[in-house]
Protein backbone atom coordinates (compact mmCIF):
# COMPACT_ATOMS: atom_id res chain seq x y z
CA MET A 1 -57.28 -72.32 147.72
CA ILE A 2 -58.36 -68.85 146.74
CA LEU A 3 -60.21 -68.47 150.00
CA ILE A 4 -57.04 -69.32 152.06
CA LEU A 5 -54.97 -67.01 149.90
CA THR A 6 -57.35 -64.12 150.32
CA PHE A 7 -57.56 -64.73 154.08
CA SER A 8 -53.76 -64.80 154.35
CA LEU A 9 -53.45 -61.48 152.46
CA VAL A 10 -56.12 -59.75 154.46
CA SER A 11 -54.73 -60.93 157.81
CA VAL A 12 -51.20 -59.88 156.89
CA SER A 13 -52.31 -56.46 155.62
CA GLY A 14 -54.56 -56.02 158.66
CA ASN A 15 -51.63 -56.55 161.08
CA GLN A 16 -49.41 -54.07 159.42
CA VAL A 17 -51.73 -51.10 158.74
CA ASP A 18 -49.18 -48.43 159.80
CA GLU A 19 -46.38 -49.73 157.68
CA ILE A 20 -46.21 -49.93 153.79
CA ILE A 21 -45.51 -53.52 152.92
CA LYS A 22 -42.75 -53.98 150.38
CA LEU A 23 -43.23 -55.96 147.25
CA TYR A 24 -41.05 -58.80 148.31
CA GLN A 25 -43.08 -59.25 151.51
CA TRP A 26 -46.24 -59.46 149.39
CA VAL A 27 -44.71 -61.97 147.04
CA THR A 28 -43.33 -63.99 149.88
CA THR A 29 -46.66 -64.07 151.61
CA ILE A 30 -48.51 -65.05 148.39
CA ALA A 31 -45.94 -67.81 147.70
CA PHE A 32 -46.23 -69.13 151.27
CA ALA A 33 -50.02 -69.20 151.10
CA CYS A 34 -49.98 -70.97 147.83
CA ALA A 35 -47.52 -73.57 149.11
CA ILE A 36 -49.76 -74.20 152.17
CA CYS A 37 -52.83 -74.51 149.95
CA VAL A 38 -51.06 -77.08 147.75
CA LEU A 39 -49.77 -79.01 150.75
CA ILE A 40 -53.20 -79.14 152.37
CA SER A 41 -55.05 -80.05 149.15
CA ARG A 42 -52.58 -82.84 148.21
CA CYS A 43 -51.57 -84.24 151.61
CA VAL A 44 -54.14 -83.41 154.35
CA CYS A 45 -57.47 -83.45 152.48
CA PRO A 46 -56.98 -84.67 148.86
CA VAL A 47 -59.86 -84.79 146.38
CA TRP A 48 -59.08 -87.27 143.63
CA PRO A 49 -61.19 -86.69 140.53
CA ASP A 50 -60.26 -90.12 139.12
CA GLU A 51 -62.49 -91.76 141.77
CA GLY A 52 -65.38 -89.50 140.73
CA LEU A 53 -64.83 -90.25 137.06
CA HIS A 54 -64.78 -93.96 137.83
CA LYS A 55 -67.99 -93.81 139.88
CA LEU A 56 -69.79 -91.69 137.23
CA VAL A 57 -68.91 -94.16 134.38
CA VAL A 58 -69.91 -97.15 136.55
CA ASN A 59 -73.19 -95.45 137.55
CA ASN A 60 -73.95 -94.61 133.96
CA LEU A 61 -73.32 -98.31 133.01
CA GLU A 62 -75.50 -99.51 135.84
CA ASN A 63 -78.37 -97.21 134.87
CA LEU A 64 -78.12 -98.41 131.27
CA ALA A 65 -78.05 -102.05 132.44
CA SER A 66 -80.98 -101.77 134.81
CA PHE A 67 -82.99 -100.10 132.03
CA LEU A 68 -82.14 -102.95 129.58
CA GLU A 69 -82.73 -105.67 132.11
CA ARG A 70 -86.31 -104.77 132.53
CA PRO A 71 -88.59 -107.35 130.92
CA PHE A 72 -90.70 -106.09 127.94
CA VAL A 73 -89.10 -102.64 127.75
CA PHE A 74 -89.42 -102.54 124.05
CA GLY A 75 -92.34 -104.97 123.92
CA GLY A 76 -94.73 -102.25 125.07
CA GLU A 77 -95.70 -103.55 128.58
CA TYR A 78 -94.59 -100.42 130.29
CA TYR A 79 -96.22 -98.25 127.73
CA ARG A 80 -99.60 -99.97 127.99
CA LYS A 81 -99.67 -100.05 131.84
CA SER A 82 -99.62 -96.39 132.56
CA ASP A 83 -98.58 -93.34 130.63
CA SER A 84 -97.91 -91.36 133.87
CA ASP A 85 -95.28 -93.76 135.30
CA LYS A 86 -92.29 -93.10 133.11
CA SER A 87 -89.74 -93.05 135.91
CA PHE A 88 -87.81 -95.90 134.43
CA LEU A 89 -86.97 -93.66 131.46
CA VAL A 90 -85.02 -91.25 133.66
CA ALA A 91 -82.25 -93.73 134.09
CA TYR A 92 -80.99 -93.66 130.58
CA LYS A 93 -81.84 -89.94 130.08
CA SER A 94 -79.39 -88.96 132.83
CA ILE A 95 -76.63 -90.67 130.82
CA LEU A 96 -77.18 -88.38 127.88
CA ASN A 97 -76.41 -85.31 130.13
CA SER A 98 -73.22 -86.66 131.66
CA LYS A 99 -70.75 -85.73 129.02
CA ALA A 100 -69.62 -82.38 130.41
CA THR A 101 -69.08 -83.88 133.86
CA GLU A 102 -67.04 -86.79 132.41
CA VAL A 103 -64.84 -84.44 130.41
CA SER A 104 -64.24 -82.11 133.29
CA LEU A 105 -63.35 -84.97 135.67
CA ALA A 106 -61.06 -86.52 133.03
CA ASN A 107 -59.27 -83.21 132.58
CA PHE A 108 -58.84 -82.96 136.38
CA ALA A 109 -57.65 -86.49 136.53
CA TRP A 110 -55.04 -85.76 133.92
CA TRP A 111 -53.42 -83.15 136.18
CA GLU A 112 -53.29 -85.43 139.19
CA ILE A 113 -50.11 -86.72 140.67
CA GLY A 114 -49.56 -90.50 140.45
CA HIS A 115 -51.31 -92.45 143.17
CA GLY A 116 -53.18 -95.75 143.66
CA LYS A 117 -52.53 -98.83 141.59
CA PHE A 118 -52.25 -97.00 138.28
CA GLN A 119 -49.49 -94.44 139.46
CA PHE A 120 -48.67 -92.36 136.33
CA HIS A 121 -50.64 -94.48 133.90
CA HIS A 122 -54.19 -93.70 134.75
CA PRO A 123 -56.70 -94.89 132.06
CA TRP A 124 -58.74 -91.71 131.92
CA LYS A 125 -58.87 -91.78 128.22
CA LYS A 126 -60.45 -95.21 128.31
CA TYR A 127 -63.05 -93.89 130.74
CA LEU A 128 -63.94 -91.26 128.20
CA LYS A 129 -64.18 -93.85 125.45
CA ILE A 130 -66.48 -96.10 127.59
CA GLY A 131 -68.57 -93.05 128.45
CA PHE A 132 -68.84 -92.11 124.76
CA TYR A 133 -70.16 -95.58 123.92
CA THR A 134 -72.49 -95.61 126.91
CA ARG A 135 -74.02 -92.32 125.82
CA GLN A 136 -74.22 -93.56 122.21
CA CYS A 137 -76.19 -96.59 123.44
CA ALA A 138 -78.46 -94.40 125.54
CA HIS A 139 -79.02 -92.21 122.51
CA TYR A 140 -80.11 -95.27 120.47
CA ILE A 141 -82.44 -96.28 123.30
CA ASP A 142 -83.85 -92.78 123.31
CA ILE A 143 -84.57 -92.95 119.64
CA LEU A 144 -86.27 -96.42 120.00
CA THR A 145 -88.47 -95.28 122.93
CA ARG A 146 -89.54 -92.18 121.03
CA TYR A 147 -90.45 -94.31 118.08
CA LEU A 148 -92.43 -96.68 120.23
CA GLU A 149 -94.21 -93.89 122.05
CA ALA A 150 -95.19 -92.38 118.67
CA LYS A 151 -96.29 -95.84 117.44
CA TYR A 152 -98.62 -96.32 120.49
CA GLU A 153 -100.00 -92.86 120.41
CA VAL A 154 -101.29 -93.41 116.88
């Protein structure tokens, strides 16, 4: 939106170099450019952050579930096989770093106009609650894996 607004202002001022543009012309140009930006971002090419929030929460839950579905995760099989192959631990650690993204997507989803099956009653607060509990579970898993790693190192 800022790019389009800047382009509009530069193109208008470039066409009328000889004349001094009056204040109302500038205000009209800015208002027109903002209206075009809003129209394009809402109707022509909309970006809905609630879809991103939904996908992020689902992806976090799937990462957590895939980690917990592994056989012998806390039994030590993976720790005894090889110390270098810890790629399965990345799945739940990515969940711990997702709070800022979830909060920003939820804030953007709050400002959205009503669309889809939820209309004006989008459950973005529930997504935040699910994300909180998912991160809490991943935190407990992190504590358990650190305990088991320390136990097998001794």
